[in-house]
Amino acid sequence: MTPYETETVPTDAGEARVTWRPAAEPRAVLALGHGAGGGVEARDLQALAGALPARGVTVALVEQPWRVAGKKVAPAPRTLDTAWRGLWPALARPGLPVVAGGRSAGARVACRTGRDLGAHAVLALGFPLHPPGRPERSRAEELLGTGLPTLVVQGGNDPFGRPGEFPAGPYGLVEIAHGDHGFAVPKRAPLGQEEALALLVEGVADWLAGTLPATGMRGA
């Protein structure tokens, strides 16, 4: 597989697209889905895809069929789940442990489907704990029910759920201070944008190092 190889994967919800950022000697695959308001160009997904292959983790950036088709509005959660399930065999094809991940709506998909699909763990970036201003409409059940090692990375000023709003549970949480839902930090913040993304990458990398098998050999 050459760097940045892109493949189209048919699913029952339409054609999805996977862009591979392969590691030279991979221990695992980290599959990252995008949110409902954007695609795989999101700064957090790109930061992880740029940094983790050098650390032995192949990154698969997954575009849902609605984005591939050029639509502007995401479909219902069950349709997102259907597409994710349909493309999972492509993600598992390298024979490595697969960490199901994504940002926002993509994080919810990973939480809902990871255990049934045989994921090794779940990474939730900017998990939308509730709609902005509606804390009573909690989605905590999805996060608490993964049944897998789970890490949440959350902006300190995320209107979809600040770190202090998250319930106690069997998951880790890394806060990116001053970050919003997309991990953007204001210019007046005491840390810059690149520093914030570096903290995100380090938090995920450290978690993966403690979560993945020691060898990560193919077929293990």
Protein backbone atom coordinates (compact mmCIF):
# COMPACT_ATOMS: atom_id res chain seq x y z
CA MET A 1 0.00 0.00 0.00
CA THR A 2 1.45 3.33 -1.05
CA PRO A 3 1.13 6.47 1.10
CA TYR A 4 -2.22 8.25 0.90
CA GLU A 5 -3.90 5.46 -1.02
CA THR A 6 -7.62 6.08 -1.36
CA GLU A 7 -10.21 3.38 -1.97
CA THR A 8 -13.95 3.39 -2.50
CA VAL A 9 -15.91 0.90 -0.42
CA PRO A 10 -19.49 -0.07 -1.26
CA THR A 11 -21.93 -0.20 1.67
CA ASP A 12 -25.70 -0.56 2.02
CA ALA A 13 -25.83 3.22 2.56
CA GLY A 14 -23.83 4.06 -0.57
CA GLU A 15 -20.16 4.28 -1.45
CA ALA A 16 -17.80 5.29 1.33
CA ARG A 17 -14.20 6.37 0.87
CA VAL A 18 -11.15 5.44 2.93
CA THR A 19 -7.85 7.30 2.71
CA TRP A 20 -4.99 5.32 4.18
CA ARG A 21 -1.99 6.87 5.91
CA PRO A 22 0.09 3.71 6.44
CA ALA A 23 2.79 3.17 9.04
CA ALA A 24 5.98 1.46 7.87
CA GLU A 25 5.69 -1.18 10.61
CA PRO A 26 2.11 -0.85 11.87
CA ARG A 27 0.89 -2.17 15.20
CA ALA A 28 -2.72 -1.19 14.63
CA VAL A 29 -5.20 0.67 12.45
CA LEU A 30 -6.90 3.78 13.80
CA ALA A 31 -10.10 4.39 11.83
CA LEU A 32 -11.33 7.98 12.04
CA GLY A 33 -14.78 9.11 10.91
CA HIS A 34 -15.75 12.74 10.48
CA GLY A 35 -18.54 14.81 11.98
CA ALA A 36 -21.88 15.94 10.62
CA GLY A 37 -20.62 19.43 9.80
CA GLY A 38 -17.44 18.62 7.91
CA GLY A 39 -15.16 15.96 6.48
CA VAL A 40 -11.80 14.35 7.04
CA GLU A 41 -10.07 17.70 6.54
CA ALA A 42 -10.88 18.53 10.19
CA ARG A 43 -7.80 19.75 12.05
CA ASP A 44 -7.83 17.01 14.69
CA LEU A 45 -8.18 14.19 12.15
CA GLN A 46 -5.43 15.63 9.99
CA ALA A 47 -3.12 16.12 12.97
CA LEU A 48 -3.49 12.47 13.99
CA ALA A 49 -3.13 11.23 10.41
CA GLY A 50 0.04 13.25 10.04
CA ALA A 51 1.69 12.16 13.27
CA LEU A 52 0.66 8.63 14.19
CA PRO A 53 2.04 6.61 11.25
CA ALA A 54 5.56 7.50 12.41
CA ARG A 55 4.60 5.94 15.74
CA GLY A 56 3.49 2.63 14.27
CA VAL A 57 -0.22 3.30 13.81
CA THR A 58 -1.80 3.24 10.36
CA VAL A 59 -4.55 5.84 10.12
CA ALA A 60 -7.63 5.30 7.95
CA LEU A 61 -9.62 8.47 7.29
CA VAL A 62 -13.20 7.44 6.57
CA GLU A 63 -15.65 9.53 4.55
CA GLN A 64 -19.27 8.58 4.96
CA PRO A 65 -21.34 7.99 1.80
CA TRP A 66 -23.29 11.22 2.21
CA ARG A 67 -20.06 13.21 1.98
CA VAL A 68 -18.76 11.16 -0.93
CA ALA A 69 -22.04 11.85 -2.75
CA GLY A 70 -21.64 15.60 -2.20
CA LYS A 71 -24.62 16.00 0.10
CA LYS A 72 -24.61 18.77 2.70
CA VAL A 73 -26.76 17.22 5.41
CA ALA A 74 -25.85 14.06 7.31
CA PRO A 75 -28.44 11.26 7.41
CA ALA A 76 -29.94 9.66 10.50
CA PRO A 77 -27.61 7.93 12.98
CA ARG A 78 -28.80 4.47 11.92
CA THR A 79 -27.70 5.21 8.34
CA LEU A 80 -24.28 6.35 9.54
CA ASP A 81 -23.98 3.12 11.52
CA THR A 82 -24.99 1.06 8.48
CA ALA A 83 -22.24 2.61 6.38
CA TRP A 84 -19.64 2.15 9.13
CA ARG A 85 -20.56 -1.51 9.51
CA GLY A 86 -20.36 -2.00 5.76
CA LEU A 87 -16.86 -0.59 5.42
CA TRP A 88 -15.49 -2.30 8.53
CA PRO A 89 -14.12 -5.33 6.61
CA ALA A 90 -11.89 -2.96 4.64
CA LEU A 91 -10.57 -1.49 7.89
CA ALA A 92 -9.92 -4.96 9.33
CA ARG A 93 -8.33 -6.29 6.14
CA PRO A 94 -4.70 -5.56 7.21
CA GLY A 95 -5.15 -8.11 10.02
CA LEU A 96 -4.25 -5.65 12.77
CA PRO A 97 -6.16 -4.49 15.86
CA VAL A 98 -8.58 -1.76 14.77
CA VAL A 99 -9.35 1.19 17.01
CA ALA A 100 -12.72 2.68 16.06
CA GLY A 101 -12.65 6.44 16.26
CA GLY A 102 -14.03 9.68 14.98
CA ARG A 103 -14.97 13.20 15.82
CA SER A 104 -18.41 14.42 16.92
CA ALA A 105 -21.05 12.36 15.04
CA GLY A 106 -18.24 10.02 13.98
CA ALA A 107 -17.36 9.49 17.63
CA ARG A 108 -20.96 8.50 18.34
CA VAL A 109 -20.88 5.97 15.50
CA ALA A 110 -17.68 4.43 16.90
CA CYS A 111 -19.19 4.24 20.38
CA ARG A 112 -22.41 2.61 19.17
CA THR A 113 -20.85 0.00 16.90
CA GLY A 114 -17.33 -0.70 18.15
CA ARG A 115 -17.97 -3.70 20.37
CA ASP A 116 -20.22 -5.53 17.90
CA LEU A 117 -17.69 -5.05 15.12
CA GLY A 118 -14.80 -6.39 17.16
CA ALA A 119 -12.93 -3.10 17.62
CA HIS A 120 -9.98 -3.15 19.98
CA ALA A 121 -10.86 0.23 21.53
CA VAL A 122 -12.76 3.46 20.87
CA LEU A 123 -11.43 6.99 20.41
CA ALA A 124 -14.01 9.79 20.74
CA LEU A 125 -12.85 13.23 19.61
CA GLY A 126 -15.16 16.06 20.56
CA PHE A 127 -17.89 13.72 21.76
CA PRO A 128 -21.20 15.64 21.48
CA LEU A 129 -22.47 14.92 24.97
CA HIS A 130 -25.54 17.07 24.32
CA PRO A 131 -26.75 19.67 21.82
CA PRO A 132 -25.49 23.17 22.65
CA GLY A 133 -27.54 24.66 25.47
CA ARG A 134 -29.51 21.43 25.99
CA PRO A 135 -27.69 19.48 28.72
CA GLU A 136 -30.89 17.58 29.51
CA ARG A 137 -30.58 15.79 26.14
CA SER A 138 -27.58 13.76 27.21
CA ARG A 139 -25.95 11.16 24.98
CA ALA A 140 -23.82 9.80 27.80
CA GLU A 141 -25.37 6.35 27.43
CA GLU A 142 -23.60 5.86 24.10
CA LEU A 143 -20.24 6.71 25.63
CA LEU A 144 -20.75 4.69 28.81
CA GLY A 145 -21.95 1.65 26.88
CA THR A 146 -18.98 1.04 24.56
CA GLY A 147 -17.79 -1.98 26.54
CA LEU A 148 -14.27 -1.28 25.26
CA PRO A 149 -11.25 0.76 26.35
CA THR A 150 -12.33 4.28 25.46
CA LEU A 151 -10.67 7.68 25.35
CA VAL A 152 -12.48 11.02 25.04
CA VAL A 153 -10.55 14.07 23.87
CA GLN A 154 -12.59 17.19 24.56
CA GLY A 155 -12.11 20.91 24.15
CA GLY A 156 -12.31 22.88 27.38
CA ASN A 157 -14.86 25.24 25.83
CA ASP A 158 -16.84 22.75 23.76
CA PRO A 159 -20.50 23.84 23.72
CA PHE A 160 -21.50 20.24 23.00
CA GLY A 161 -20.13 19.26 26.41
CA ARG A 162 -17.28 20.65 28.45
CA PRO A 163 -15.03 18.16 30.24
CA GLY A 164 -16.54 18.96 33.63
CA GLU A 165 -19.99 17.94 32.39
CA PHE A 166 -18.99 14.39 31.57
CA PRO A 167 -20.18 11.71 34.01
CA ALA A 168 -17.81 9.38 35.77
CA GLY A 169 -17.29 6.17 33.87
CA PRO A 170 -14.89 3.55 32.55
CA TYR A 171 -13.11 5.80 30.06
CA GLY A 172 -10.23 8.23 29.94
CA LEU A 173 -10.60 11.92 29.22
CA VAL A 174 -8.01 14.33 27.86
CA GLU A 175 -8.91 18.02 28.00
CA ILE A 176 -7.56 20.44 25.42
CA ALA A 177 -7.78 23.69 27.36
CA HIS A 178 -9.59 26.56 25.63
CA GLY A 179 -10.51 24.38 22.64
CA ASP A 180 -13.95 24.53 21.07
CA HIS A 181 -15.83 21.66 19.40
CA GLY A 182 -13.27 21.58 16.59
CA PHE A 183 -10.32 22.14 18.97
CA ALA A 184 -9.80 25.67 17.73
CA VAL A 185 -8.35 27.93 20.41
CA PRO A 186 -8.88 31.70 20.54
CA LYS A 187 -5.96 34.00 19.81
CA ARG A 188 -6.05 35.31 23.37
CA ALA A 189 -5.54 31.81 24.81
CA PRO A 190 -2.25 31.12 26.62
CA LEU A 191 -1.48 28.29 24.17
CA GLY A 192 -1.38 28.44 20.39
CA GLN A 193 -3.24 26.31 17.88
CA GLU A 194 -0.25 24.12 17.04
CA GLU A 195 0.43 23.56 20.72
CA ALA A 196 -3.18 22.53 21.28
CA LEU A 197 -3.01 20.01 18.44
CA ALA A 198 0.31 18.70 19.74
CA LEU A 199 -1.33 18.06 23.12
CA LEU A 200 -4.15 16.22 21.36
CA VAL A 201 -1.73 14.03 19.42
CA GLU A 202 0.36 13.26 22.49
CA GLY A 203 -2.72 12.38 24.53
CA VAL A 204 -3.95 9.96 21.88
CA ALA A 205 -0.50 8.49 21.26
CA ASP A 206 0.10 7.87 24.97
CA TRP A 207 -3.30 6.20 25.30
CA LEU A 208 -2.69 4.00 22.26
CA ALA A 209 0.70 2.98 23.62
CA GLY A 210 -0.98 1.71 26.78
CA THR A 211 -3.96 0.15 25.02
CA LEU A 212 -2.53 -1.72 22.04
CA PRO A 213 -0.93 -5.17 22.25
CA ALA A 214 2.77 -5.12 22.89
CA THR A 215 3.64 -6.71 19.56
CA GLY A 216 0.79 -5.68 17.31
CA MET A 217 1.95 -8.25 14.75
CA ARG A 218 -0.23 -9.03 11.74
CA GLY A 219 -2.73 -11.73 12.47
CA ALA A 220 -2.21 -11.41 16.22
